[in-house]
Amino acid sequence: MSTIRSFELSPFSLALFSQMSEFARSRLRPQDGLIRKNVNRVLLETGYAPLRCIQCDVSDGVVELTGSVPSFYIKQLAQTAVLRLKQIRGIKNRLRVA
C-alpha cells in the first residue's frame, strides 16, 4: 500500500522548481535543425513541385514558411503537411500567393 504525502513549497522553492522544469523541458525539445530537416522532407513527400521552393526557418520549435506559391490551395497544403509533424510548437505561414 502506498502513501501519498503532500507538502507545500516556499515561493523561492517553487520559482526554482519552475525554472528547472523549464530548463528540463527545453532539453527535451527536438533540435531546430532536425525539425527543419523533417519539414523539408514532408514538403517533398507531398509530390507538389511548388512546395520544393518554399523556405523554412525554425526558431525554438516554431516553423516559419516563406516564399511564393501559385494558389491558396498549395499554401494550405504546405501548412497542413507541416502541422502533421509532432515536434513543432507552432507554425507561421507567410507564404505569398502569386
N, C-alpha and C. Protein backbone atom coordinates (compact mmCIF):
# COMPACT_ATOMS: atom_id res chain seq x y z
N MET A 1 0.85 -1.17 0.00
CA MET A 1 0.00 0.00 0.00
C MET A 1 0.89 1.23 0.00
N SER A 2 0.61 2.15 -0.90
CA SER A 2 1.44 3.35 -0.99
C SER A 2 0.80 4.50 -0.24
N THR A 3 1.64 5.37 0.26
CA THR A 3 1.18 6.54 0.98
C THR A 3 1.51 7.78 0.16
N ILE A 4 0.54 8.64 0.01
CA ILE A 4 0.75 9.88 -0.71
C ILE A 4 1.01 10.97 0.32
N ARG A 5 2.13 11.65 0.16
CA ARG A 5 2.48 12.73 1.07
C ARG A 5 2.28 14.05 0.36
N SER A 6 1.73 14.99 1.05
CA SER A 6 1.59 16.32 0.47
C SER A 6 2.48 17.28 1.24
N PHE A 7 2.98 18.26 0.54
CA PHE A 7 3.82 19.27 1.18
C PHE A 7 3.69 20.56 0.40
N GLU A 8 4.06 21.65 1.04
CA GLU A 8 4.00 22.94 0.39
C GLU A 8 5.41 23.44 0.13
N LEU A 9 5.57 24.08 -1.01
CA LEU A 9 6.86 24.67 -1.35
C LEU A 9 6.84 26.15 -1.02
N SER A 10 7.97 26.64 -0.58
CA SER A 10 8.09 28.08 -0.36
C SER A 10 8.08 28.77 -1.71
N PRO A 11 7.75 30.06 -1.75
CA PRO A 11 7.77 30.77 -3.04
C PRO A 11 9.12 30.67 -3.75
N PHE A 12 10.22 30.72 -2.99
CA PHE A 12 11.54 30.60 -3.58
C PHE A 12 11.72 29.22 -4.20
N SER A 13 11.36 28.17 -3.48
CA SER A 13 11.50 26.80 -3.98
C SER A 13 10.61 26.57 -5.20
N LEU A 14 9.43 27.14 -5.16
CA LEU A 14 8.51 26.99 -6.28
C LEU A 14 9.07 27.67 -7.53
N ALA A 15 9.65 28.87 -7.38
CA ALA A 15 10.25 29.57 -8.52
C ALA A 15 11.44 28.78 -9.06
N LEU A 16 12.26 28.26 -8.16
CA LEU A 16 13.42 27.47 -8.57
C LEU A 16 12.97 26.20 -9.29
N PHE A 17 11.94 25.55 -8.78
CA PHE A 17 11.41 24.34 -9.41
C PHE A 17 10.87 24.66 -10.80
N SER A 18 10.17 25.81 -10.95
CA SER A 18 9.62 26.20 -12.24
C SER A 18 10.73 26.44 -13.26
N GLN A 19 11.80 27.10 -12.84
CA GLN A 19 12.92 27.36 -13.73
C GLN A 19 13.60 26.06 -14.14
N MET A 20 13.80 25.17 -13.20
CA MET A 20 14.44 23.90 -13.52
C MET A 20 13.55 23.08 -14.44
N SER A 21 12.26 23.13 -14.22
CA SER A 21 11.36 22.37 -15.07
C SER A 21 11.38 22.91 -16.49
N GLU A 22 11.44 24.24 -16.64
CA GLU A 22 11.51 24.83 -17.99
C GLU A 22 12.81 24.44 -18.66
N PHE A 23 13.89 24.43 -17.91
CA PHE A 23 15.18 24.01 -18.46
C PHE A 23 15.11 22.55 -18.90
N ALA A 24 14.52 21.71 -18.06
CA ALA A 24 14.39 20.29 -18.41
C ALA A 24 13.53 20.12 -19.66
N ARG A 25 12.43 20.89 -19.75
CA ARG A 25 11.57 20.80 -20.93
C ARG A 25 12.32 21.25 -22.18
N SER A 26 13.12 22.30 -22.05
CA SER A 26 13.84 22.79 -23.22
C SER A 26 14.88 21.78 -23.69
N ARG A 27 15.44 21.00 -22.78
CA ARG A 27 16.42 19.99 -23.16
C ARG A 27 15.77 18.84 -23.90
N LEU A 28 14.47 18.64 -23.69
CA LEU A 28 13.77 17.54 -24.34
C LEU A 28 13.23 17.92 -25.73
N ARG A 29 13.17 19.22 -26.04
CA ARG A 29 12.67 19.65 -27.35
C ARG A 29 13.63 19.21 -28.45
N PRO A 30 13.09 18.77 -29.57
CA PRO A 30 13.97 18.42 -30.68
C PRO A 30 14.75 19.64 -31.16
N GLN A 31 15.90 19.41 -31.70
CA GLN A 31 16.72 20.49 -32.23
C GLN A 31 16.02 21.14 -33.42
N ASP A 32 16.21 22.45 -33.55
CA ASP A 32 15.61 23.16 -34.67
C ASP A 32 16.09 22.63 -36.01
N GLY A 33 17.36 22.24 -36.07
CA GLY A 33 17.89 21.68 -37.32
C GLY A 33 17.18 20.41 -37.73
N LEU A 34 16.88 19.56 -36.75
CA LEU A 34 16.16 18.32 -37.03
C LEU A 34 14.74 18.62 -37.51
N ILE A 35 14.11 19.61 -36.89
CA ILE A 35 12.76 19.99 -37.30
C ILE A 35 12.79 20.52 -38.73
N ARG A 36 13.78 21.36 -39.05
CA ARG A 36 13.91 21.93 -40.41
C ARG A 36 14.06 20.80 -41.43
N LYS A 37 14.87 19.82 -41.09
CA LYS A 37 15.08 18.67 -41.98
C LYS A 37 13.77 17.91 -42.20
N ASN A 38 13.01 17.70 -41.13
CA ASN A 38 11.73 16.98 -41.24
C ASN A 38 10.70 17.78 -42.02
N VAL A 39 10.69 19.11 -41.86
CA VAL A 39 9.76 19.95 -42.61
C VAL A 39 10.06 19.83 -44.10
N ASN A 40 11.34 19.95 -44.47
CA ASN A 40 11.71 19.83 -45.88
C ASN A 40 11.35 18.46 -46.44
N ARG A 41 11.53 17.42 -45.65
CA ARG A 41 11.19 16.07 -46.09
C ARG A 41 9.69 15.94 -46.32
N VAL A 42 8.89 16.45 -45.40
CA VAL A 42 7.43 16.37 -45.52
C VAL A 42 6.94 17.14 -46.75
N LEU A 43 7.53 18.31 -46.98
CA LEU A 43 7.12 19.10 -48.15
C LEU A 43 7.47 18.39 -49.45
N LEU A 44 8.61 17.75 -49.50
CA LEU A 44 9.00 17.00 -50.70
C LEU A 44 8.10 15.78 -50.91
N GLU A 45 7.70 15.14 -49.82
CA GLU A 45 6.88 13.93 -49.92
C GLU A 45 5.48 14.20 -50.44
N THR A 46 5.04 15.45 -50.43
CA THR A 46 3.70 15.74 -50.95
C THR A 46 3.63 15.52 -52.45
N GLY A 47 4.77 15.66 -53.13
CA GLY A 47 4.80 15.45 -54.57
C GLY A 47 4.45 16.69 -55.39
N TYR A 48 4.14 17.80 -54.73
CA TYR A 48 3.81 19.04 -55.44
C TYR A 48 5.09 19.84 -55.66
N ALA A 49 5.41 20.10 -56.93
CA ALA A 49 6.64 20.81 -57.29
C ALA A 49 6.76 22.19 -56.64
N PRO A 50 5.68 23.00 -56.54
CA PRO A 50 5.83 24.33 -55.94
C PRO A 50 6.30 24.30 -54.48
N LEU A 51 6.07 23.19 -53.80
CA LEU A 51 6.47 23.11 -52.40
C LEU A 51 7.97 22.91 -52.24
N ARG A 52 8.66 22.60 -53.32
CA ARG A 52 10.12 22.44 -53.26
C ARG A 52 10.84 23.78 -53.14
N CYS A 53 10.16 24.86 -53.49
CA CYS A 53 10.78 26.19 -53.48
C CYS A 53 10.49 26.97 -52.21
N ILE A 54 9.83 26.36 -51.25
CA ILE A 54 9.48 27.05 -50.01
C ILE A 54 10.69 27.10 -49.08
N GLN A 55 10.92 28.28 -48.50
CA GLN A 55 11.97 28.41 -47.49
C GLN A 55 11.37 28.14 -46.12
N CYS A 56 12.15 27.47 -45.30
CA CYS A 56 11.70 27.09 -43.97
C CYS A 56 12.71 27.59 -42.95
N ASP A 57 12.22 28.29 -41.93
CA ASP A 57 13.08 28.74 -40.84
C ASP A 57 12.45 28.25 -39.55
N VAL A 58 13.26 27.76 -38.63
CA VAL A 58 12.76 27.23 -37.37
C VAL A 58 13.46 27.93 -36.22
N SER A 59 12.67 28.40 -35.28
CA SER A 59 13.22 29.04 -34.09
C SER A 59 12.44 28.56 -32.87
N ASP A 60 13.12 27.87 -31.98
CA ASP A 60 12.52 27.36 -30.74
C ASP A 60 11.28 26.51 -31.03
N GLY A 61 11.35 25.71 -32.09
CA GLY A 61 10.27 24.79 -32.41
C GLY A 61 9.15 25.39 -33.23
N VAL A 62 9.21 26.70 -33.52
CA VAL A 62 8.18 27.35 -34.33
C VAL A 62 8.68 27.45 -35.77
N VAL A 63 7.91 26.90 -36.69
CA VAL A 63 8.29 26.84 -38.10
C VAL A 63 7.72 28.07 -38.81
N GLU A 64 8.56 28.73 -39.61
CA GLU A 64 8.11 29.86 -40.43
C GLU A 64 8.33 29.50 -41.90
N LEU A 65 7.24 29.46 -42.65
CA LEU A 65 7.29 29.16 -44.07
C LEU A 65 7.24 30.47 -44.85
N THR A 66 8.19 30.67 -45.76
CA THR A 66 8.21 31.86 -46.60
C THR A 66 8.44 31.46 -48.05
N GLY A 67 8.05 32.33 -48.94
CA GLY A 67 8.23 32.08 -50.36
C GLY A 67 6.95 32.39 -51.10
N SER A 68 6.88 31.93 -52.32
CA SER A 68 5.76 32.20 -53.20
C SER A 68 5.20 30.89 -53.74
N VAL A 69 3.87 30.78 -53.74
CA VAL A 69 3.19 29.60 -54.28
C VAL A 69 2.11 30.05 -55.26
N PRO A 70 1.70 29.18 -56.19
CA PRO A 70 0.76 29.60 -57.24
C PRO A 70 -0.70 29.71 -56.81
N SER A 71 -1.09 29.11 -55.67
CA SER A 71 -2.51 29.14 -55.29
C SER A 71 -2.68 29.03 -53.77
N PHE A 72 -3.88 29.43 -53.32
CA PHE A 72 -4.19 29.30 -51.91
C PHE A 72 -4.24 27.83 -51.49
N TYR A 73 -4.64 26.98 -52.40
CA TYR A 73 -4.67 25.54 -52.13
C TYR A 73 -3.27 25.03 -51.77
N ILE A 74 -2.27 25.41 -52.55
CA ILE A 74 -0.89 24.97 -52.30
C ILE A 74 -0.39 25.56 -50.98
N LYS A 75 -0.77 26.80 -50.69
CA LYS A 75 -0.40 27.43 -49.42
C LYS A 75 -0.95 26.62 -48.24
N GLN A 76 -2.23 26.26 -48.34
CA GLN A 76 -2.87 25.49 -47.27
C GLN A 76 -2.29 24.08 -47.20
N LEU A 77 -1.97 23.51 -48.34
CA LEU A 77 -1.39 22.17 -48.39
C LEU A 77 -0.05 22.14 -47.64
N ALA A 78 0.77 23.16 -47.85
CA ALA A 78 2.06 23.24 -47.17
C ALA A 78 1.87 23.29 -45.66
N GLN A 79 0.95 24.13 -45.22
CA GLN A 79 0.69 24.27 -43.78
C GLN A 79 0.17 22.97 -43.19
N THR A 80 -0.76 22.33 -43.87
CA THR A 80 -1.33 21.07 -43.38
C THR A 80 -0.26 19.98 -43.28
N ALA A 81 0.61 19.92 -44.28
CA ALA A 81 1.67 18.91 -44.27
C ALA A 81 2.61 19.12 -43.09
N VAL A 82 2.98 20.36 -42.83
CA VAL A 82 3.91 20.66 -41.73
C VAL A 82 3.25 20.43 -40.37
N LEU A 83 1.98 20.73 -40.26
CA LEU A 83 1.28 20.56 -38.97
C LEU A 83 1.20 19.10 -38.53
N ARG A 84 1.40 18.18 -39.45
CA ARG A 84 1.38 16.76 -39.08
C ARG A 84 2.60 16.36 -38.25
N LEU A 85 3.64 17.17 -38.30
CA LEU A 85 4.84 16.87 -37.50
C LEU A 85 4.55 17.16 -36.03
N LYS A 86 4.83 16.20 -35.20
CA LYS A 86 4.54 16.34 -33.77
C LYS A 86 5.58 17.15 -33.03
N GLN A 87 6.75 17.36 -33.64
CA GLN A 87 7.83 18.04 -32.94
C GLN A 87 7.64 19.55 -32.88
N ILE A 88 6.83 20.11 -33.76
CA ILE A 88 6.74 21.57 -33.83
C ILE A 88 5.83 22.14 -32.76
N ARG A 89 6.14 23.36 -32.34
CA ARG A 89 5.33 24.05 -31.34
C ARG A 89 4.34 25.00 -31.97
N GLY A 90 4.60 25.38 -33.23
CA GLY A 90 3.70 26.31 -33.92
C GLY A 90 4.17 26.50 -35.35
N ILE A 91 3.36 27.23 -36.10
CA ILE A 91 3.70 27.49 -37.49
C ILE A 91 3.27 28.91 -37.86
N LYS A 92 4.13 29.59 -38.61
CA LYS A 92 3.82 30.90 -39.17
C LYS A 92 3.84 30.72 -40.69
N ASN A 93 2.67 30.76 -41.28
CA ASN A 93 2.56 30.57 -42.72
C ASN A 93 2.61 31.94 -43.40
N ARG A 94 3.79 32.31 -43.86
CA ARG A 94 3.98 33.61 -44.50
C ARG A 94 4.17 33.43 -46.02
N LEU A 95 3.60 32.37 -46.56
CA LEU A 95 3.67 32.14 -48.00
C LEU A 95 2.80 33.15 -48.73
N ARG A 96 3.29 33.64 -49.86
CA ARG A 96 2.55 34.59 -50.71
C ARG A 96 1.98 33.82 -51.89
N VAL A 97 0.75 34.17 -52.25
CA VAL A 97 0.14 33.59 -53.45
C VAL A 97 0.41 34.55 -54.60
N ALA A 98 1.12 34.03 -55.60
CA ALA A 98 1.49 34.90 -56.74
C ALA A 98 0.67 34.56 -57.96
